[in-house]
Amino acid sequence: MSELVGTLLKKFKRAEKGLAETALAYDGLADSLDAQSVREWKQQERQAMEERGDLLRIYDLKLEKGKFWSI
């Protein structure tokens, strides 16, 4: 049982670290975006979480045909 606690503690610490790193990136991105767009996206998210169904399509990627992203 103590091995399980140790494993969960390690996973929790990794999750905390990852959350902190992600928060910095999220804040930087959010600060660079248009405030009106962010408000609209948050409203769409709230509505999608409440009503579900087809409204969850806001999370689908919208790509133009024939355009490819390269790394």
PDB file of N, CA and C in Angstrom:
ATOM      1  N   MET A   1       0.822  -1.196   0.000  1.00  0.00           N
ATOM      2  CA  MET A   1       0.000   0.000   0.000  1.00  0.00           C
ATOM      3  C   MET A   1       0.864   1.257   0.000  1.00  0.00           C
ATOM      4  N   SER A   2       1.996   1.206   0.699  1.00  0.00           N
ATOM      5  CA  SER A   2       2.849   2.396   0.754  1.00  0.00           C
ATOM      6  C   SER A   2       3.475   2.691  -0.606  1.00  0.00           C
ATOM      7  N   GLU A   3       3.670   1.653  -1.430  1.00  0.00           N
ATOM      8  CA  GLU A   3       4.183   1.880  -2.786  1.00  0.00           C
ATOM      9  C   GLU A   3       3.177   2.686  -3.606  1.00  0.00           C
ATOM     10  N   LEU A   4       1.913   2.406  -3.420  1.00  0.00           N
ATOM     11  CA  LEU A   4       0.867   3.125  -4.127  1.00  0.00           C
ATOM     12  C   LEU A   4       0.877   4.605  -3.736  1.00  0.00           C
ATOM     13  N   VAL A   5       1.018   4.866  -2.457  1.00  0.00           N
ATOM     14  CA  VAL A   5       1.060   6.247  -1.985  1.00  0.00           C
ATOM     15  C   VAL A   5       2.268   6.968  -2.579  1.00  0.00           C
ATOM     16  N   GLY A   6       3.415   6.319  -2.600  1.00  0.00           N
ATOM     17  CA  GLY A   6       4.615   6.914  -3.179  1.00  0.00           C
ATOM     18  C   GLY A   6       4.446   7.214  -4.656  1.00  0.00           C
ATOM     19  N   THR A   7       3.856   6.284  -5.382  1.00  0.00           N
ATOM     20  CA  THR A   7       3.627   6.462  -6.815  1.00  0.00           C
ATOM     21  C   THR A   7       2.674   7.624  -7.063  1.00  0.00           C
ATOM     22  N   LEU A   8       1.595   7.671  -6.299  1.00  0.00           N
ATOM     23  CA  LEU A   8       0.632   8.757  -6.462  1.00  0.00           C
ATOM     24  C   LEU A   8       1.239  10.110  -6.105  1.00  0.00           C
ATOM     25  N   LEU A   9       2.092  10.135  -5.101  1.00  0.00           N
ATOM     26  CA  LEU A   9       2.754  11.376  -4.712  1.00  0.00           C
ATOM     27  C   LEU A   9       3.670  11.878  -5.827  1.00  0.00           C
ATOM     28  N   LYS A  10       4.414  10.969  -6.451  1.00  0.00           N
ATOM     29  CA  LYS A  10       5.280  11.348  -7.571  1.00  0.00           C
ATOM     30  C   LYS A  10       4.455  11.900  -8.728  1.00  0.00           C
ATOM     31  N   LYS A  11       3.345  11.224  -9.040  1.00  0.00           N
ATOM     32  CA  LYS A  11       2.488  11.683 -10.138  1.00  0.00           C
ATOM     33  C   LYS A  11       1.895  13.056  -9.821  1.00  0.00           C
ATOM     34  N   PHE A  12       1.512  13.253  -8.577  1.00  0.00           N
ATOM     35  CA  PHE A  12       0.953  14.540  -8.184  1.00  0.00           C
ATOM     36  C   PHE A  12       1.980  15.654  -8.335  1.00  0.00           C
ATOM     37  N   LYS A  13       3.207  15.402  -7.914  1.00  0.00           N
ATOM     38  CA  LYS A  13       4.259  16.415  -8.031  1.00  0.00           C
ATOM     39  C   LYS A  13       4.547  16.746  -9.493  1.00  0.00           C
ATOM     40  N   ARG A  14       4.562  15.721 -10.359  1.00  0.00           N
ATOM     41  CA  ARG A  14       4.764  15.964 -11.792  1.00  0.00           C
ATOM     42  C   ARG A  14       3.602  16.770 -12.374  1.00  0.00           C
ATOM     43  N   ALA A  15       2.394  16.468 -11.923  1.00  0.00           N
ATOM     44  CA  ALA A  15       1.220  17.201 -12.413  1.00  0.00           C
ATOM     45  C   ALA A  15       1.279  18.661 -11.977  1.00  0.00           C
ATOM     46  N   GLU A  16       1.687  18.906 -10.742  1.00  0.00           N
ATOM     47  CA  GLU A  16       1.819  20.288 -10.254  1.00  0.00           C
ATOM     48  C   GLU A  16       2.837  21.066 -11.086  1.00  0.00           C
ATOM     49  N   LYS A  17       3.972  20.434 -11.369  1.00  0.00           N
ATOM     50  CA  LYS A  17       5.010  21.084 -12.165  1.00  0.00           C
ATOM     51  C   LYS A  17       4.494  21.372 -13.573  1.00  0.00           C
ATOM     52  N   GLY A  18       3.836  20.402 -14.177  1.00  0.00           N
ATOM     53  CA  GLY A  18       3.288  20.579 -15.517  1.00  0.00           C
ATOM     54  C   GLY A  18       2.238  21.669 -15.561  1.00  0.00           C
ATOM     55  N   LEU A  19       1.416  21.746 -14.527  1.00  0.00           N
ATOM     56  CA  LEU A  19       0.393  22.780 -14.467  1.00  0.00           C
ATOM     57  C   LEU A  19       1.020  24.165 -14.390  1.00  0.00           C
ATOM     58  N   ALA A  20       2.062  24.301 -13.601  1.00  0.00           N
ATOM     59  CA  ALA A  20       2.743  25.594 -13.479  1.00  0.00           C
ATOM     60  C   ALA A  20       3.349  26.011 -14.821  1.00  0.00           C
ATOM     61  N   GLU A  21       3.970  25.077 -15.517  1.00  0.00           N
ATOM     62  CA  GLU A  21       4.576  25.380 -16.816  1.00  0.00           C
ATOM     63  C   GLU A  21       3.498  25.732 -17.853  1.00  0.00           C
ATOM     64  N   THR A  22       2.412  25.000 -17.836  1.00  0.00           N
ATOM     65  CA  THR A  22       1.325  25.246 -18.765  1.00  0.00           C
ATOM     66  C   THR A  22       0.664  26.590 -18.487  1.00  0.00           C
ATOM     67  N   ALA A  23       0.526  26.935 -17.224  1.00  0.00           N
ATOM     68  CA  ALA A  23      -0.107  28.202 -16.855  1.00  0.00           C
ATOM     69  C   ALA A  23       0.681  29.385 -17.416  1.00  0.00           C
ATOM     70  N   LEU A  24       1.992  29.313 -17.376  1.00  0.00           N
ATOM     71  CA  LEU A  24       2.813  30.393 -17.927  1.00  0.00           C
ATOM     72  C   LEU A  24       2.575  30.549 -19.426  1.00  0.00           C
ATOM     73  N   ALA A  25       2.548  29.437 -20.134  1.00  0.00           N
ATOM     74  CA  ALA A  25       2.318  29.479 -21.579  1.00  0.00           C
ATOM     75  C   ALA A  25       0.907  29.982 -21.886  1.00  0.00           C
ATOM     76  N   TYR A  26      -0.072  29.512 -21.127  1.00  0.00           N
ATOM     77  CA  TYR A  26      -1.464  29.936 -21.326  1.00  0.00           C
ATOM     78  C   TYR A  26      -1.602  31.433 -21.094  1.00  0.00           C
ATOM     79  N   ASP A  27      -1.026  31.924 -20.003  1.00  0.00           N
ATOM     80  CA  ASP A  27      -1.121  33.359 -19.704  1.00  0.00           C
ATOM     81  C   ASP A  27      -0.466  34.194 -20.794  1.00  0.00           C
ATOM     82  N   GLY A  28       0.682  33.751 -21.289  1.00  0.00           N
ATOM     83  CA  GLY A  28       1.350  34.477 -22.365  1.00  0.00           C
ATOM     84  C   GLY A  28       0.512  34.520 -23.626  1.00  0.00           C
ATOM     85  N   LEU A  29      -0.105  33.404 -23.955  1.00  0.00           N
ATOM     86  CA  LEU A  29      -0.967  33.343 -25.138  1.00  0.00           C
ATOM     87  C   LEU A  29      -2.204  34.217 -24.936  1.00  0.00           C
ATOM     88  N   ALA A  30      -2.846  34.081 -23.787  1.00  0.00           N
ATOM     89  CA  ALA A  30      -4.064  34.847 -23.508  1.00  0.00           C
ATOM     90  C   ALA A  30      -3.790  36.349 -23.536  1.00  0.00           C
ATOM     91  N   ASP A  31      -2.633  36.756 -23.046  1.00  0.00           N
ATOM     92  CA  ASP A  31      -2.291  38.182 -23.031  1.00  0.00           C
ATOM     93  C   ASP A  31      -2.065  38.735 -24.435  1.00  0.00           C
ATOM     94  N   SER A  32      -1.718  37.863 -25.378  1.00  0.00           N
ATOM     95  CA  SER A  32      -1.433  38.330 -26.736  1.00  0.00           C
ATOM     96  C   SER A  32      -2.672  38.338 -27.634  1.00  0.00           C
ATOM     97  N   LEU A  33      -3.787  37.827 -27.134  1.00  0.00           N
ATOM     98  CA  LEU A  33      -5.010  37.729 -27.939  1.00  0.00           C
ATOM     99  C   LEU A  33      -5.929  38.918 -27.713  1.00  0.00           C
ATOM    100  N   ASP A  34      -6.809  39.130 -28.666  1.00  0.00           N
ATOM    101  CA  ASP A  34      -7.817  40.170 -28.570  1.00  0.00           C
ATOM    102  C   ASP A  34      -8.798  39.834 -27.442  1.00  0.00           C
ATOM    103  N   ALA A  35      -9.023  40.766 -26.521  1.00  0.00           N
ATOM    104  CA  ALA A  35      -9.871  40.523 -25.354  1.00  0.00           C
ATOM    105  C   ALA A  35     -11.299  40.141 -25.748  1.00  0.00           C
ATOM    106  N   GLN A  36     -11.833  40.754 -26.788  1.00  0.00           N
ATOM    107  CA  GLN A  36     -13.194  40.435 -27.238  1.00  0.00           C
ATOM    108  C   GLN A  36     -13.280  38.988 -27.720  1.00  0.00           C
ATOM    109  N   SER A  37     -12.273  38.537 -28.454  1.00  0.00           N
ATOM    110  CA  SER A  37     -12.265  37.146 -28.930  1.00  0.00           C
ATOM    111  C   SER A  37     -12.224  36.182 -27.752  1.00  0.00           C
ATOM    112  N   VAL A  38     -11.414  36.480 -26.753  1.00  0.00           N
ATOM    113  CA  VAL A  38     -11.311  35.613 -25.575  1.00  0.00           C
ATOM    114  C   VAL A  38     -12.665  35.533 -24.869  1.00  0.00           C
ATOM    115  N   ARG A  39     -13.353  36.663 -24.721  1.00  0.00           N
ATOM    116  CA  ARG A  39     -14.677  36.658 -24.075  1.00  0.00           C
ATOM    117  C   ARG A  39     -15.659  35.802 -24.869  1.00  0.00           C
ATOM    118  N   GLU A  40     -15.632  35.918 -26.198  1.00  0.00           N
ATOM    119  CA  GLU A  40     -16.532  35.121 -27.041  1.00  0.00           C
ATOM    120  C   GLU A  40     -16.221  33.633 -26.900  1.00  0.00           C
ATOM    121  N   TRP A  41     -14.940  33.279 -26.900  1.00  0.00           N
ATOM    122  CA  TRP A  41     -14.548  31.871 -26.780  1.00  0.00           C
ATOM    123  C   TRP A  41     -14.959  31.304 -25.425  1.00  0.00           C
ATOM    124  N   LYS A  42     -14.809  32.100 -24.375  1.00  0.00           N
ATOM    125  CA  LYS A  42     -15.205  31.625 -23.044  1.00  0.00           C
ATOM    126  C   LYS A  42     -16.709  31.413 -22.976  1.00  0.00           C
ATOM    127  N   GLN A  43     -17.482  32.289 -23.604  1.00  0.00           N
ATOM    128  CA  GLN A  43     -18.934  32.127 -23.651  1.00  0.00           C
ATOM    129  C   GLN A  43     -19.299  30.863 -24.431  1.00  0.00           C
ATOM    130  N   GLN A  44     -18.634  30.635 -25.572  1.00  0.00           N
ATOM    131  CA  GLN A  44     -18.879  29.424 -26.354  1.00  0.00           C
ATOM    132  C   GLN A  44     -18.542  28.183 -25.538  1.00  0.00           C
ATOM    133  N   GLU A  45     -17.456  28.243 -24.791  1.00  0.00           N
ATOM    134  CA  GLU A  45     -17.063  27.100 -23.964  1.00  0.00           C
ATOM    135  C   GLU A  45     -18.115  26.819 -22.896  1.00  0.00           C
ATOM    136  N   ARG A  46     -18.578  27.858 -22.195  1.00  0.00           N
ATOM    137  CA  ARG A  46     -19.601  27.682 -21.164  1.00  0.00           C
ATOM    138  C   ARG A  46     -20.858  27.044 -21.746  1.00  0.00           C
ATOM    139  N   GLN A  47     -21.280  27.560 -22.895  1.00  0.00           N
ATOM    140  CA  GLN A  47     -22.477  27.041 -23.533  1.00  0.00           C
ATOM    141  C   GLN A  47     -22.285  25.582 -23.957  1.00  0.00           C
ATOM    142  N   ALA A  48     -21.122  25.259 -24.504  1.00  0.00           N
ATOM    143  CA  ALA A  48     -20.843  23.881 -24.937  1.00  0.00           C
ATOM    144  C   ALA A  48     -20.837  22.920 -23.752  1.00  0.00           C
ATOM    145  N   MET A  49     -20.280  23.355 -22.623  1.00  0.00           N
ATOM    146  CA  MET A  49     -20.231  22.485 -21.448  1.00  0.00           C
ATOM    147  C   MET A  49     -21.625  22.276 -20.846  1.00  0.00           C
ATOM    148  N   GLU A  50     -22.469  23.304 -20.942  1.00  0.00           N
ATOM    149  CA  GLU A  50     -23.821  23.188 -20.387  1.00  0.00           C
ATOM    150  C   GLU A  50     -24.741  22.379 -21.289  1.00  0.00           C
ATOM    151  N   GLU A  51     -24.693  22.636 -22.594  1.00  0.00           N
ATOM    152  CA  GLU A  51     -25.655  22.032 -23.509  1.00  0.00           C
ATOM    153  C   GLU A  51     -25.126  20.801 -24.239  1.00  0.00           C
ATOM    154  N   ARG A  52     -23.802  20.678 -24.318  1.00  0.00           N
ATOM    155  CA  ARG A  52     -23.131  19.524 -24.933  1.00  0.00           C
ATOM    156  C   ARG A  52     -23.541  19.334 -26.398  1.00  0.00           C
ATOM    157  N   GLY A  53     -23.684  18.112 -26.835  1.00  0.00           N
ATOM    158  CA  GLY A  53     -24.100  17.828 -28.215  1.00  0.00           C
ATOM    159  C   GLY A  53     -23.199  18.460 -29.260  1.00  0.00           C
ATOM    160  N   ASP A  54     -23.811  18.982 -30.308  1.00  0.00           N
ATOM    161  CA  ASP A  54     -23.074  19.585 -31.421  1.00  0.00           C
ATOM    162  C   ASP A  54     -22.282  20.822 -31.008  1.00  0.00           C
ATOM    163  N   LEU A  55     -22.662  21.442 -29.906  1.00  0.00           N
ATOM    164  CA  LEU A  55     -21.920  22.623 -29.448  1.00  0.00           C
ATOM    165  C   LEU A  55     -20.479  22.280 -29.079  1.00  0.00           C
ATOM    166  N   LEU A  56     -20.219  21.017 -28.788  1.00  0.00           N
ATOM    167  CA  LEU A  56     -18.853  20.594 -28.466  1.00  0.00           C
ATOM    168  C   LEU A  56     -17.944  20.630 -29.684  1.00  0.00           C
ATOM    169  N   ARG A  57     -18.495  20.876 -30.845  1.00  0.00           N
ATOM    170  CA  ARG A  57     -17.680  20.968 -32.064  1.00  0.00           C
ATOM    171  C   ARG A  57     -16.764  22.189 -32.049  1.00  0.00           C
ATOM    172  N   ILE A  58     -16.937  23.086 -31.089  1.00  0.00           N
ATOM    173  CA  ILE A  58     -16.021  24.230 -30.991  1.00  0.00           C
ATOM    174  C   ILE A  58     -14.596  23.755 -30.749  1.00  0.00           C
ATOM    175  N   TYR A  59     -14.458  22.537 -30.247  1.00  0.00           N
ATOM    176  CA  TYR A  59     -13.129  21.989 -29.981  1.00  0.00           C
ATOM    177  C   TYR A  59     -12.512  21.306 -31.191  1.00  0.00           C
ATOM    178  N   ASP A  60     -13.298  21.119 -32.255  1.00  0.00           N
ATOM    179  CA  ASP A  60     -12.762  20.521 -33.479  1.00  0.00           C
ATOM    180  C   ASP A  60     -11.814  21.513 -34.153  1.00  0.00           C
ATOM    181  N   LEU A  61     -10.757  20.989 -34.731  1.00  0.00           N
ATOM    182  CA  LEU A  61      -9.832  21.845 -35.469  1.00  0.00           C
ATOM    183  C   LEU A  61     -10.480  22.328 -36.756  1.00  0.00           C
ATOM    184  N   LYS A  62     -10.247  23.571 -37.066  1.00  0.00           N
ATOM    185  CA  LYS A  62     -10.770  24.131 -38.308  1.00  0.00           C
ATOM    186  C   LYS A  62      -9.590  24.428 -39.220  1.00  0.00           C
ATOM    187  N   LEU A  63      -9.412  23.571 -40.215  1.00  0.00           N
ATOM    188  CA  LEU A  63      -8.318  23.724 -41.159  1.00  0.00           C
ATOM    189  C   LEU A  63      -8.870  23.949 -42.550  1.00  0.00           C
ATOM    190  N   GLU A  64      -8.180  24.762 -43.316  1.00  0.00           N
ATOM    191  CA  GLU A  64      -8.579  24.973 -44.695  1.00  0.00           C
ATOM    192  C   GLU A  64      -8.029  23.833 -45.543  1.00  0.00           C
ATOM    193  N   LYS A  65      -8.850  23.347 -46.468  1.00  0.00           N
ATOM    194  CA  LYS A  65      -8.392  22.268 -47.332  1.00  0.00           C
ATOM    195  C   LYS A  65      -7.205  22.723 -48.155  1.00  0.00           C
ATOM    196  N   GLY A  66      -6.251  21.812 -48.309  1.00  0.00           N
ATOM    197  CA  GLY A  66      -5.094  22.103 -49.128  1.00  0.00           C
ATOM    198  C   GLY A  66      -3.982  22.830 -48.391  1.00  0.00           C
ATOM    199  N   LYS A  67      -4.219  23.218 -47.149  1.00  0.00           N
ATOM    200  CA  LYS A  67      -3.187  23.907 -46.380  1.00  0.00           C
ATOM    201  C   LYS A  67      -2.628  22.940 -45.342  1.00  0.00           C
ATOM    202  N   PHE A  68      -1.332  22.884 -45.253  1.00  0.00           N
ATOM    203  CA  PHE A  68      -0.682  21.980 -44.315  1.00  0.00           C
ATOM    204  C   PHE A  68       0.240  22.780 -43.407  1.00  0.00           C
ATOM    205  N   TRP A  69       0.305  22.358 -42.189  1.00  0.00           N
ATOM    206  CA  TRP A  69       1.227  22.971 -41.224  1.00  0.00           C
ATOM    207  C   TRP A  69       2.522  22.202 -41.293  1.00  0.00           C
ATOM    208  N   SER A  70       3.617  22.893 -41.337  1.00  0.00           N
ATOM    209  CA  SER A  70       4.905  22.199 -41.314  1.00  0.00           C
ATOM    210  C   SER A  70       5.668  22.657 -40.079  1.00  0.00           C
ATOM    211  N   ILE A  71       6.460  21.769 -39.588  1.00  0.00           N
ATOM    212  CA  ILE A  71       7.243  22.053 -38.379  1.00  0.00           C
ATOM    213  C   ILE A  71       8.665  22.374 -38.766  1.00  0.00           C
TER     214      ILE A  71
END
